[in-house]
PDB file of N, CA and C in Angstrom:
ATOM      1  N   MET A   1      -4.093  15.879 -25.776  1.00  0.00           N
ATOM      2  CA  MET A   1      -3.545  15.292 -24.572  1.00  0.00           C
ATOM      3  C   MET A   1      -3.820  16.215 -23.398  1.00  0.00           C
ATOM      4  N   ALA A   2      -3.928  15.607 -22.236  1.00  0.00           N
ATOM      5  CA  ALA A   2      -4.201  16.368 -21.019  1.00  0.00           C
ATOM      6  C   ALA A   2      -3.182  15.976 -19.954  1.00  0.00           C
ATOM      7  N   ILE A   3      -2.825  16.946 -19.125  1.00  0.00           N
ATOM      8  CA  ILE A   3      -1.894  16.717 -18.027  1.00  0.00           C
ATOM      9  C   ILE A   3      -2.685  16.659 -16.722  1.00  0.00           C
ATOM     10  N   TYR A   4      -2.429  15.631 -15.936  1.00  0.00           N
ATOM     11  CA  TYR A   4      -3.067  15.459 -14.642  1.00  0.00           C
ATOM     12  C   TYR A   4      -1.990  15.453 -13.571  1.00  0.00           C
ATOM     13  N   ALA A   5      -2.248  16.073 -12.439  1.00  0.00           N
ATOM     14  CA  ALA A   5      -1.266  16.168 -11.356  1.00  0.00           C
ATOM     15  C   ALA A   5      -1.792  15.467 -10.112  1.00  0.00           C
ATOM     16  N   LEU A   6      -0.894  14.786  -9.438  1.00  0.00           N
ATOM     17  CA  LEU A   6      -1.217  14.103  -8.196  1.00  0.00           C
ATOM     18  C   LEU A   6      -0.077  14.372  -7.224  1.00  0.00           C
ATOM     19  N   THR A   7      -0.404  14.763  -6.006  1.00  0.00           N
ATOM     20  CA  THR A   7       0.610  15.076  -5.003  1.00  0.00           C
ATOM     21  C   THR A   7       0.471  14.121  -3.827  1.00  0.00           C
ATOM     22  N   LEU A   8       1.613  13.632  -3.355  1.00  0.00           N
ATOM     23  CA  LEU A   8       1.647  12.704  -2.223  1.00  0.00           C
ATOM     24  C   LEU A   8       2.645  13.226  -1.200  1.00  0.00           C
ATOM     25  N   THR A   9       2.185  13.497   0.009  1.00  0.00           N
ATOM     26  CA  THR A   9       3.083  13.815   1.112  1.00  0.00           C
ATOM     27  C   THR A   9       3.274  12.541   1.917  1.00  0.00           C
ATOM     28  N   ILE A  10       4.540  12.122   2.024  1.00  0.00           N
ATOM     29  CA  ILE A  10       4.866  10.854   2.663  1.00  0.00           C
ATOM     30  C   ILE A  10       5.451  11.158   4.047  1.00  0.00           C
ATOM     31  N   PRO A  11       4.768  10.740   5.096  1.00  0.00           N
ATOM     32  CA  PRO A  11       5.285  10.996   6.444  1.00  0.00           C
ATOM     33  C   PRO A  11       6.645  10.330   6.669  1.00  0.00           C
ATOM     34  N   GLY A  12       7.493  10.987   7.462  1.00  0.00           N
ATOM     35  CA  GLY A  12       8.762  10.377   7.832  1.00  0.00           C
ATOM     36  C   GLY A  12       8.528   9.025   8.493  1.00  0.00           C
ATOM     37  N   GLY A  13       9.381   8.052   8.164  1.00  0.00           N
ATOM     38  CA  GLY A  13       9.263   6.722   8.756  1.00  0.00           C
ATOM     39  C   GLY A  13       8.286   5.792   8.071  1.00  0.00           C
ATOM     40  N   THR A  14       7.686   6.219   6.963  1.00  0.00           N
ATOM     41  CA  THR A  14       6.755   5.351   6.226  1.00  0.00           C
ATOM     42  C   THR A  14       7.551   4.246   5.531  1.00  0.00           C
ATOM     43  N   THR A  15       7.142   3.000   5.727  1.00  0.00           N
ATOM     44  CA  THR A  15       7.880   1.862   5.174  1.00  0.00           C
ATOM     45  C   THR A  15       7.348   1.437   3.806  1.00  0.00           C
ATOM     46  N   ALA A  16       8.183   0.715   3.072  1.00  0.00           N
ATOM     47  CA  ALA A  16       7.778   0.175   1.770  1.00  0.00           C
ATOM     48  C   ALA A  16       6.692  -0.882   1.932  1.00  0.00           C
ATOM     49  N   SER A  17       6.656  -1.549   3.063  1.00  0.00           N
ATOM     50  CA  SER A  17       5.639  -2.580   3.279  1.00  0.00           C
ATOM     51  C   SER A  17       4.270  -1.989   3.628  1.00  0.00           C
ATOM     52  N   ASN A  18       4.232  -0.716   4.004  1.00  0.00           N
ATOM     53  CA  ASN A  18       2.975  -0.037   4.318  1.00  0.00           C
ATOM     54  C   ASN A  18       3.058   1.407   3.781  1.00  0.00           C
ATOM     55  N   PRO A  19       3.105   1.540   2.451  1.00  0.00           N
ATOM     56  CA  PRO A  19       3.367   2.863   1.869  1.00  0.00           C
ATOM     57  C   PRO A  19       2.186   3.831   1.998  1.00  0.00           C
ATOM     58  N   ALA A  20       2.515   5.109   1.948  1.00  0.00           N
ATOM     59  CA  ALA A  20       1.484   6.146   1.834  1.00  0.00           C
ATOM     60  C   ALA A  20       0.943   6.107   0.406  1.00  0.00           C
ATOM     61  N   THR A  21      -0.306   6.516   0.208  1.00  0.00           N
ATOM     62  CA  THR A  21      -0.895   6.484  -1.131  1.00  0.00           C
ATOM     63  C   THR A  21      -1.700   7.751  -1.413  1.00  0.00           C
ATOM     64  N   ALA A  22      -1.763   8.081  -2.688  1.00  0.00           N
ATOM     65  CA  ALA A  22      -2.662   9.118  -3.196  1.00  0.00           C
ATOM     66  C   ALA A  22      -3.294   8.531  -4.454  1.00  0.00           C
ATOM     67  N   LYS A  23      -4.588   8.820  -4.656  1.00  0.00           N
ATOM     68  CA  LYS A  23      -5.321   8.207  -5.767  1.00  0.00           C
ATOM     69  C   LYS A  23      -6.062   9.263  -6.569  1.00  0.00           C
ATOM     70  N   MET A  24      -6.246   8.973  -7.855  1.00  0.00           N
ATOM     71  CA  MET A  24      -7.111   9.796  -8.690  1.00  0.00           C
ATOM     72  C   MET A  24      -7.597   8.992  -9.885  1.00  0.00           C
ATOM     73  N   GLN A  25      -8.751   9.375 -10.388  1.00  0.00           N
ATOM     74  CA  GLN A  25      -9.312   8.761 -11.596  1.00  0.00           C
ATOM     75  C   GLN A  25      -8.874   9.596 -12.791  1.00  0.00           C
ATOM     76  N   VAL A  26      -8.509   8.930 -13.875  1.00  0.00           N
ATOM     77  CA  VAL A  26      -8.178   9.630 -15.112  1.00  0.00           C
ATOM     78  C   VAL A  26      -9.093   9.115 -16.215  1.00  0.00           C
ATOM     79  N   PRO A  27      -9.270   9.894 -17.288  1.00  0.00           N
ATOM     80  CA  PRO A  27     -10.148   9.443 -18.374  1.00  0.00           C
ATOM     81  C   PRO A  27      -9.566   8.232 -19.099  1.00  0.00           C
ATOM     82  N   PHE A  28     -10.440   7.511 -19.767  1.00  0.00           N
ATOM     83  CA  PHE A  28      -9.990   6.394 -20.591  1.00  0.00           C
ATOM     84  C   PHE A  28      -9.086   6.928 -21.691  1.00  0.00           C
ATOM     85  N   GLY A  29      -8.096   6.141 -22.051  1.00  0.00           N
ATOM     86  CA  GLY A  29      -7.158   6.532 -23.104  1.00  0.00           C
ATOM     87  C   GLY A  29      -5.839   5.819 -22.913  1.00  0.00           C
ATOM     88  N   LYS A  30      -4.735   6.567 -23.064  1.00  0.00           N
ATOM     89  CA  LYS A  30      -3.410   5.977 -22.958  1.00  0.00           C
ATOM     90  C   LYS A  30      -2.494   6.914 -22.184  1.00  0.00           C
ATOM     91  N   LEU A  31      -1.813   6.351 -21.194  1.00  0.00           N
ATOM     92  CA  LEU A  31      -0.812   7.093 -20.443  1.00  0.00           C
ATOM     93  C   LEU A  31       0.463   7.123 -21.275  1.00  0.00           C
ATOM     94  N   ILE A  32       0.912   8.331 -21.612  1.00  0.00           N
ATOM     95  CA  ILE A  32       2.051   8.503 -22.507  1.00  0.00           C
ATOM     96  C   ILE A  32       3.346   8.773 -21.741  1.00  0.00           C
ATOM     97  N   LYS A  33       3.255   9.650 -20.729  1.00  0.00           N
ATOM     98  CA  LYS A  33       4.454  10.112 -20.034  1.00  0.00           C
ATOM     99  C   LYS A  33       4.139  10.372 -18.570  1.00  0.00           C
ATOM    100  N   CYS A  34       5.135  10.127 -17.712  1.00  0.00           N
ATOM    101  CA  CYS A  34       5.035  10.434 -16.285  1.00  0.00           C
ATOM    102  C   CYS A  34       6.237  11.277 -15.887  1.00  0.00           C
ATOM    103  N   ILE A  35       5.991  12.246 -15.037  1.00  0.00           N
ATOM    104  CA  ILE A  35       7.072  13.052 -14.476  1.00  0.00           C
ATOM    105  C   ILE A  35       6.940  13.000 -12.957  1.00  0.00           C
ATOM    106  N   PHE A  36       7.976  12.499 -12.301  1.00  0.00           N
ATOM    107  CA  PHE A  36       8.024  12.459 -10.848  1.00  0.00           C
ATOM    108  C   PHE A  36       8.867  13.638 -10.383  1.00  0.00           C
ATOM    109  N   ILE A  37       8.347  14.417  -9.451  1.00  0.00           N
ATOM    110  CA  ILE A  37       9.061  15.592  -8.948  1.00  0.00           C
ATOM    111  C   ILE A  37       9.112  15.502  -7.426  1.00  0.00           C
ATOM    112  N   PRO A  38      10.261  15.028  -6.880  1.00  0.00           N
ATOM    113  CA  PRO A  38      10.386  14.985  -5.418  1.00  0.00           C
ATOM    114  C   PRO A  38      10.775  16.362  -4.892  1.00  0.00           C
ATOM    115  N   ASP A  39      10.446  16.642  -3.632  1.00  0.00           N
ATOM    116  CA  ASP A  39      10.942  17.902  -3.090  1.00  0.00           C
ATOM    117  C   ASP A  39      12.440  17.748  -2.815  1.00  0.00           C
ATOM    118  N   SER A  40      13.107  18.844  -2.616  1.00  0.00           N
ATOM    119  CA  SER A  40      14.572  18.844  -2.542  1.00  0.00           C
ATOM    120  C   SER A  40      15.123  18.160  -1.301  1.00  0.00           C
ATOM    121  N   SER A  41      14.272  17.774  -0.368  1.00  0.00           N
ATOM    122  CA  SER A  41      14.757  17.171   0.876  1.00  0.00           C
ATOM    123  C   SER A  41      14.702  15.646   0.890  1.00  0.00           C
ATOM    124  N   SER A  42      14.453  15.005  -0.259  1.00  0.00           N
ATOM    125  CA  SER A  42      14.289  13.547  -0.246  1.00  0.00           C
ATOM    126  C   SER A  42      15.587  12.806   0.051  1.00  0.00           C
ATOM    127  N   ASN A  43      16.721  13.325  -0.369  1.00  0.00           N
ATOM    128  CA  ASN A  43      18.045  12.770  -0.026  1.00  0.00           C
ATOM    129  C   ASN A  43      18.199  11.277  -0.298  1.00  0.00           C
ATOM    130  N   GLY A  44      17.567  10.775  -1.361  1.00  0.00           N
ATOM    131  CA  GLY A  44      17.718   9.366  -1.724  1.00  0.00           C
ATOM    132  C   GLY A  44      17.011   8.405  -0.791  1.00  0.00           C
ATOM    133  N   ASN A  45      16.177   8.926   0.097  1.00  0.00           N
ATOM    134  CA  ASN A  45      15.513   8.082   1.090  1.00  0.00           C
ATOM    135  C   ASN A  45      14.020   7.903   0.825  1.00  0.00           C
ATOM    136  N   VAL A  46      13.593   8.245  -0.376  1.00  0.00           N
ATOM    137  CA  VAL A  46      12.178   8.174  -0.736  1.00  0.00           C
ATOM    138  C   VAL A  46      12.038   7.329  -1.997  1.00  0.00           C
ATOM    139  N   GLY A  47      11.075   6.403  -1.987  1.00  0.00           N
ATOM    140  CA  GLY A  47      10.793   5.594  -3.166  1.00  0.00           C
ATOM    141  C   GLY A  47       9.331   5.730  -3.536  1.00  0.00           C
ATOM    142  N   VAL A  48       9.052   5.713  -4.839  1.00  0.00           N
ATOM    143  CA  VAL A  48       7.669   5.809  -5.306  1.00  0.00           C
ATOM    144  C   VAL A  48       7.379   4.733  -6.338  1.00  0.00           C
ATOM    145  N   GLN A  49       6.101   4.407  -6.439  1.00  0.00           N
ATOM    146  CA  GLN A  49       5.585   3.487  -7.454  1.00  0.00           C
ATOM    147  C   GLN A  49       4.307   4.086  -8.015  1.00  0.00           C
ATOM    148  N   LEU A  50       4.025   3.778  -9.277  1.00  0.00           N
ATOM    149  CA  LEU A  50       2.774   4.184  -9.911  1.00  0.00           C
ATOM    150  C   LEU A  50       2.006   2.921 -10.281  1.00  0.00           C
ATOM    151  N   TRP A  51       0.746   2.864  -9.852  1.00  0.00           N
ATOM    152  CA  TRP A  51      -0.117   1.712 -10.097  1.00  0.00           C
ATOM    153  C   TRP A  51      -1.369   2.145 -10.839  1.00  0.00           C
ATOM    154  N   ARG A  52      -1.944   1.221 -11.581  1.00  0.00           N
ATOM    155  CA  ARG A  52      -3.282   1.389 -12.170  1.00  0.00           C
ATOM    156  C   ARG A  52      -4.110   0.266 -11.591  1.00  0.00           C
ATOM    157  N   GLY A  53      -4.999   0.620 -10.662  1.00  0.00           N
ATOM    158  CA  GLY A  53      -5.771  -0.413  -9.972  1.00  0.00           C
ATOM    159  C   GLY A  53      -4.832  -1.334  -9.211  1.00  0.00           C
ATOM    160  N   LEU A  54      -4.887  -2.626  -9.495  1.00  0.00           N
ATOM    161  CA  LEU A  54      -4.042  -3.602  -8.810  1.00  0.00           C
ATOM    162  C   LEU A  54      -2.766  -3.931  -9.572  1.00  0.00           C
ATOM    163  N   LYS A  55      -2.477  -3.182 -10.633  1.00  0.00           N
ATOM    164  CA  LYS A  55      -1.359  -3.487 -11.526  1.00  0.00           C
ATOM    165  C   LYS A  55      -0.276  -2.406 -11.439  1.00  0.00           C
ATOM    166  N   PRO A  56       0.977  -2.817 -11.145  1.00  0.00           N
ATOM    167  CA  PRO A  56       2.048  -1.821 -11.146  1.00  0.00           C
ATOM    168  C   PRO A  56       2.354  -1.347 -12.572  1.00  0.00           C
ATOM    169  N   ILE A  57       2.544  -0.042 -12.719  1.00  0.00           N
ATOM    170  CA  ILE A  57       2.915   0.533 -14.021  1.00  0.00           C
ATOM    171  C   ILE A  57       4.398   0.890 -14.026  1.00  0.00           C
ATOM    172  N   LEU A  58       4.823   1.639 -13.035  1.00  0.00           N
ATOM    173  CA  LEU A  58       6.222   2.070 -12.922  1.00  0.00           C
ATOM    174  C   LEU A  58       6.691   1.889 -11.490  1.00  0.00           C
ATOM    175  N   PRO A  59       7.734   1.144 -11.256  1.00  0.00           N
ATOM    176  CA  PRO A  59       8.272   0.136 -12.162  1.00  0.00           C
ATOM    177  C   PRO A  59       7.298  -1.032 -12.324  1.00  0.00           C
ATOM    178  N   ARG A  60       7.515  -1.840 -13.318  1.00  0.00           N
ATOM    179  CA  ARG A  60       6.607  -2.974 -13.587  1.00  0.00           C
ATOM    180  C   ARG A  60       6.680  -4.034 -12.492  1.00  0.00           C
ATOM    181  N   ASN A  61       7.819  -4.132 -11.826  1.00  0.00           N
ATOM    182  CA  ASN A  61       8.004  -5.080 -10.729  1.00  0.00           C
ATOM    183  C   ASN A  61       7.440  -4.462  -9.451  1.00  0.00           C
ATOM    184  N   GLN A  62       6.482  -5.088  -8.835  1.00  0.00           N
ATOM    185  CA  GLN A  62       5.821  -4.519  -7.663  1.00  0.00           C
ATOM    186  C   GLN A  62       6.741  -4.406  -6.453  1.00  0.00           C
ATOM    187  N   ASN A  63       7.899  -5.064  -6.481  1.00  0.00           N
ATOM    188  CA  ASN A  63       8.845  -4.988  -5.372  1.00  0.00           C
ATOM    189  C   ASN A  63       9.957  -3.972  -5.613  1.00  0.00           C
ATOM    190  N   ALA A  64       9.929  -3.298  -6.760  1.00  0.00           N
ATOM    191  CA  ALA A  64      10.936  -2.288  -7.087  1.00  0.00           C
ATOM    192  C   ALA A  64      10.348  -0.896  -6.858  1.00  0.00           C
ATOM    193  N   TRP A  65      11.214   0.092  -6.653  1.00  0.00           N
ATOM    194  CA  TRP A  65      10.796   1.466  -6.380  1.00  0.00           C
ATOM    195  C   TRP A  65      11.616   2.423  -7.227  1.00  0.00           C
ATOM    196  N   ILE A  66      11.024   3.521  -7.595  1.00  0.00           N
ATOM    197  CA  ILE A  66      11.747   4.596  -8.269  1.00  0.00           C
ATOM    198  C   ILE A  66      12.296   5.502  -7.169  1.00  0.00           C
ATOM    199  N   ILE A  67      13.609   5.680  -7.169  1.00  0.00           N
ATOM    200  CA  ILE A  67      14.269   6.524  -6.172  1.00  0.00           C
ATOM    201  C   ILE A  67      15.031   7.607  -6.926  1.00  0.00           C
ATOM    202  N   THR A  68      14.661   8.855  -6.690  1.00  0.00           N
ATOM    203  CA  THR A  68      15.327   9.965  -7.356  1.00  0.00           C
ATOM    204  C   THR A  68      15.256  11.213  -6.485  1.00  0.00           C
ATOM    205  N   ASP A  69      16.318  11.993  -6.535  1.00  0.00           N
ATOM    206  CA  ASP A  69      16.351  13.280  -5.829  1.00  0.00           C
ATOM    207  C   ASP A  69      16.014  14.432  -6.762  1.00  0.00           C
ATOM    208  N   PHE A  70      15.877  14.138  -8.039  1.00  0.00           N
ATOM    209  CA  PHE A  70      15.656  15.161  -9.050  1.00  0.00           C
ATOM    210  C   PHE A  70      14.420  14.795  -9.874  1.00  0.00           C
ATOM    211  N   PRO A  71      13.818  15.778 -10.543  1.00  0.00           N
ATOM    212  CA  PRO A  71      12.689  15.448 -11.420  1.00  0.00           C
ATOM    213  C   PRO A  71      13.094  14.353 -12.417  1.00  0.00           C
ATOM    214  N   LEU A  72      12.212  13.412 -12.606  1.00  0.00           N
ATOM    215  CA  LEU A  72      12.459  12.270 -13.486  1.00  0.00           C
ATOM    216  C   LEU A  72      11.334  12.173 -14.497  1.00  0.00           C
ATOM    217  N   VAL A  73      11.690  12.246 -15.788  1.00  0.00           N
ATOM    218  CA  VAL A  73      10.717  12.134 -16.873  1.00  0.00           C
ATOM    219  C   VAL A  73      10.803  10.723 -17.443  1.00  0.00           C
ATOM    220  N   ILE A  74       9.680  10.039 -17.470  1.00  0.00           N
ATOM    221  CA  ILE A  74       9.616   8.701 -18.062  1.00  0.00           C
ATOM    222  C   ILE A  74       8.679   8.794 -19.251  1.00  0.00           C
ATOM    223  N   ASP A  75       9.258   8.777 -20.438  1.00  0.00           N
ATOM    224  CA  ASP A  75       8.514   8.912 -21.685  1.00  0.00           C
ATOM    225  C   ASP A  75       8.244   7.526 -22.266  1.00  0.00           C
ATOM    226  N   GLY A  76       7.242   7.403 -23.120  1.00  0.00           N
ATOM    227  CA  GLY A  76       6.943   6.128 -23.768  1.00  0.00           C
ATOM    228  C   GLY A  76       6.346   5.094 -22.832  1.00  0.00           C
ATOM    229  N   VAL A  77       5.588   5.535 -21.847  1.00  0.00           N
ATOM    230  CA  VAL A  77       4.996   4.606 -20.877  1.00  0.00           C
ATOM    231  C   VAL A  77       4.026   3.657 -21.578  1.00  0.00           C
ATOM    232  N   ASP A  78       3.165   4.193 -22.439  1.00  0.00           N
ATOM    233  CA  ASP A  78       2.272   3.394 -23.278  1.00  0.00           C
ATOM    234  C   ASP A  78       1.382   2.434 -22.473  1.00  0.00           C
ATOM    235  N   GLU A  79       0.716   2.963 -21.452  1.00  0.00           N
ATOM    236  CA  GLU A  79      -0.187   2.158 -20.617  1.00  0.00           C
ATOM    237  C   GLU A  79      -1.631   2.497 -20.963  1.00  0.00           C
ATOM    238  N   LYS A  80      -2.377   1.496 -21.401  1.00  0.00           N
ATOM    239  CA  LYS A  80      -3.780   1.718 -21.749  1.00  0.00           C
ATOM    240  C   LYS A  80      -4.608   1.897 -20.474  1.00  0.00           C
ATOM    241  N   ILE A  81      -5.407   2.945 -20.458  1.00  0.00           N
ATOM    242  CA  ILE A  81      -6.322   3.216 -19.347  1.00  0.00           C
ATOM    243  C   ILE A  81      -7.719   2.890 -19.855  1.00  0.00           C
ATOM    244  N   ASP A  82      -8.308   1.822 -19.320  1.00  0.00           N
ATOM    245  CA  ASP A  82      -9.598   1.375 -19.850  1.00  0.00           C
ATOM    246  C   ASP A  82     -10.594   1.128 -18.726  1.00  0.00           C
ATOM    247  N   ARG A  83     -11.684   0.521 -19.078  1.00  0.00           N
ATOM    248  CA  ARG A  83     -12.759   0.280 -18.115  1.00  0.00           C
ATOM    249  C   ARG A  83     -12.359  -0.689 -17.010  1.00  0.00           C
ATOM    250  N   GLU A  84     -11.322  -1.482 -17.256  1.00  0.00           N
ATOM    251  CA  GLU A  84     -10.827  -2.398 -16.221  1.00  0.00           C
ATOM    252  C   GLU A  84     -10.445  -1.592 -14.977  1.00  0.00           C
ATOM    253  N   SER A  85      -9.743  -0.500 -15.188  1.00  0.00           N
ATOM    254  CA  SER A  85      -9.418   0.396 -14.079  1.00  0.00           C
ATOM    255  C   SER A  85      -8.825   1.695 -14.613  1.00  0.00           C
ATOM    256  N   ASN A  86      -9.445   2.784 -14.232  1.00  0.00           N
ATOM    257  CA  ASN A  86      -8.870   4.088 -14.545  1.00  0.00           C
ATOM    258  C   ASN A  86      -8.460   4.800 -13.255  1.00  0.00           C
ATOM    259  N   LEU A  87      -8.262   3.996 -12.200  1.00  0.00           N
ATOM    260  CA  LEU A  87      -7.801   4.519 -10.928  1.00  0.00           C
ATOM    261  C   LEU A  87      -6.274   4.476 -10.898  1.00  0.00           C
ATOM    262  N   ILE A  88      -5.658   5.639 -10.789  1.00  0.00           N
ATOM    263  CA  ILE A  88      -4.210   5.749 -10.720  1.00  0.00           C
ATOM    264  C   ILE A  88      -3.823   5.941  -9.251  1.00  0.00           C
ATOM    265  N   ILE A  89      -2.821   5.178  -8.820  1.00  0.00           N
ATOM    266  CA  ILE A  89      -2.386   5.226  -7.422  1.00  0.00           C
ATOM    267  C   ILE A  89      -0.888   5.513  -7.379  1.00  0.00           C
ATOM    268  N   LEU A  90      -0.514   6.531  -6.638  1.00  0.00           N
ATOM    269  CA  LEU A  90       0.884   6.840  -6.369  1.00  0.00           C
ATOM    270  C   LEU A  90       1.180   6.337  -4.968  1.00  0.00           C
ATOM    271  N   LYS A  91       2.182   5.448  -4.844  1.00  0.00           N
ATOM    272  CA  LYS A  91       2.568   4.896  -3.546  1.00  0.00           C
ATOM    273  C   LYS A  91       3.969   5.385  -3.207  1.00  0.00           C
ATOM    274  N   GLY A  92       4.243   5.568  -1.934  1.00  0.00           N
ATOM    275  CA  GLY A  92       5.573   6.011  -1.559  1.00  0.00           C
ATOM    276  C   GLY A  92       5.981   5.621  -0.160  1.00  0.00           C
ATOM    277  N   TYR A  93       7.302   5.415  -0.010  1.00  0.00           N
ATOM    278  CA  TYR A  93       7.882   5.214   1.317  1.00  0.00           C
ATOM    279  C   TYR A  93       8.890   6.326   1.576  1.00  0.00           C
ATOM    280  N   ASN A  94       9.241   6.526   2.842  1.00  0.00           N
ATOM    281  CA  ASN A  94      10.120   7.620   3.213  1.00  0.00           C
ATOM    282  C   ASN A  94      10.883   7.220   4.465  1.00  0.00           C
ATOM    283  N   SER A  95      12.166   6.917   4.324  1.00  0.00           N
ATOM    284  CA  SER A  95      12.952   6.520   5.496  1.00  0.00           C
ATOM    285  C   SER A  95      13.594   7.719   6.203  1.00  0.00           C
ATOM    286  N   ASN A  96      13.274   8.928   5.746  1.00  0.00           N
ATOM    287  CA  ASN A  96      13.694  10.126   6.479  1.00  0.00           C
ATOM    288  C   ASN A  96      12.889  10.227   7.776  1.00  0.00           C
ATOM    289  N   THR A  97      13.295  11.129   8.664  1.00  0.00           N
ATOM    290  CA  THR A  97      12.541  11.361   9.894  1.00  0.00           C
ATOM    291  C   THR A  97      11.521  12.475   9.721  1.00  0.00           C
ATOM    292  N   TYR A  98      11.501  13.112   8.568  1.00  0.00           N
ATOM    293  CA  TYR A  98      10.598  14.231   8.272  1.00  0.00           C
ATOM    294  C   TYR A  98       9.768  13.905   7.033  1.00  0.00           C
ATOM    295  N   ASP A  99       8.660  14.603   6.866  1.00  0.00           N
ATOM    296  CA  ASP A  99       7.767  14.394   5.723  1.00  0.00           C
ATOM    297  C   ASP A  99       8.420  14.874   4.431  1.00  0.00           C
ATOM    298  N   VAL A 100       8.117  14.179   3.339  1.00  0.00           N
ATOM    299  CA  VAL A 100       8.597  14.557   2.007  1.00  0.00           C
ATOM    300  C   VAL A 100       7.410  14.519   1.050  1.00  0.00           C
ATOM    301  N   THR A 101       7.338  15.499   0.162  1.00  0.00           N
ATOM    302  CA  THR A 101       6.251  15.563  -0.818  1.00  0.00           C
ATOM    303  C   THR A 101       6.782  15.242  -2.206  1.00  0.00           C
ATOM    304  N   VAL A 102       6.032  14.421  -2.922  1.00  0.00           N
ATOM    305  CA  VAL A 102       6.353  14.061  -4.302  1.00  0.00           C
ATOM    306  C   VAL A 102       5.159  14.450  -5.158  1.00  0.00           C
ATOM    307  N   GLN A 103       5.423  15.116  -6.270  1.00  0.00           N
ATOM    308  CA  GLN A 103       4.358  15.420  -7.224  1.00  0.00           C
ATOM    309  C   GLN A 103       4.561  14.551  -8.455  1.00  0.00           C
ATOM    310  N   MET A 104       3.462  14.093  -9.012  1.00  0.00           N
ATOM    311  CA  MET A 104       3.505  13.304 -10.228  1.00  0.00           C
ATOM    312  C   MET A 104       2.628  13.981 -11.273  1.00  0.00           C
ATOM    313  N   LEU A 105       3.173  14.155 -12.451  1.00  0.00           N
ATOM    314  CA  LEU A 105       2.403  14.682 -13.584  1.00  0.00           C
ATOM    315  C   LEU A 105       2.225  13.551 -14.589  1.00  0.00           C
ATOM    316  N   LEU A 106       0.999  13.380 -15.061  1.00  0.00           N
ATOM    317  CA  LEU A 106       0.682  12.332 -16.039  1.00  0.00           C
ATOM    318  C   LEU A 106       0.217  12.976 -17.332  1.00  0.00           C
ATOM    319  N   ASP A 107       0.771  12.539 -18.426  1.00  0.00           N
ATOM    320  CA  ASP A 107       0.345  12.990 -19.750  1.00  0.00           C
ATOM    321  C   ASP A 107      -0.530  11.882 -20.338  1.00  0.00           C
ATOM    322  N   VAL A 108      -1.817  12.149 -20.459  1.00  0.00           N
ATOM    323  CA  VAL A 108      -2.783  11.140 -20.912  1.00  0.00           C
ATOM    324  C   VAL A 108      -3.389  11.568 -22.246  1.00  0.00           C
ATOM    325  N   MET A 109      -3.294  10.685 -23.245  1.00  0.00           N
ATOM    326  CA  MET A 109      -4.005  10.896 -24.509  1.00  0.00           C
ATOM    327  C   MET A 109      -5.375  10.264 -24.326  1.00  0.00           C
ATOM    328  N   GLU A 110      -6.384  11.109 -24.239  1.00  0.00           N
ATOM    329  CA  GLU A 110      -7.730  10.618 -23.957  1.00  0.00           C
ATOM    330  C   GLU A 110      -8.294   9.845 -25.140  1.00  0.00           C
ATOM    331  N   GLU A 111      -9.188   8.910 -24.846  1.00  0.00           N
ATOM    332  CA  GLU A 111      -9.810   8.071 -25.864  1.00  0.00           C
ATOM    333  C   GLU A 111     -10.401   8.962 -26.968  1.00  0.00           C
ATOM    334  N   GLY A 112     -10.128   8.628 -28.216  1.00  0.00           N
ATOM    335  CA  GLY A 112     -10.655   9.394 -29.342  1.00  0.00           C
ATOM    336  C   GLY A 112      -9.692  10.457 -29.849  1.00  0.00           C
ATOM    337  N   GLU A 113      -8.655  10.805 -29.079  1.00  0.00           N
ATOM    338  CA  GLU A 113      -7.664  11.782 -29.532  1.00  0.00           C
ATOM    339  C   GLU A 113      -6.686  11.115 -30.488  1.00  0.00           C
ATOM    340  N   LYS A 114      -6.111  11.920 -31.341  1.00  0.00           N
ATOM    341  CA  LYS A 114      -5.077  11.404 -32.260  1.00  0.00           C
ATOM    342  C   LYS A 114      -3.845  12.232 -32.142  1.00  0.00           C
TER     343      LYS A 114
END
C-alpha cells in the first residue's frame, strides 16, 4: 500500500457552489482509507468533499460535505481506482474570512498488491 497526500488551501469566503479544488492522479488499485486533516483555525466553517473524476466518493451525496475541526479517519472506503478515472479531486468551501488549509492522506492498495 502507498500513502498519497494532497493539500488544499481554501480562501476565506469560498462558497459550496463554487468550491476550491486540488487534484492529483493516483495509481490504479483500490482506495482503502482517507484521512482529512484541517488546520486548527477551521472552526466548523469548512467543508470538504472527495471525488474521483465526476463521481463523489466522500460523502457519496454530492450535496453533502464533511465538516470537522479535528483529523478524521475514514476507513473501509473501498473505492476502485481504474481506467475510468484515476483523477482524485479534493473540493472545499470556507465561510471564514481567512484562508484555511486542509490536508488529505489517501491509502491506496495499488493494482497487483495483496
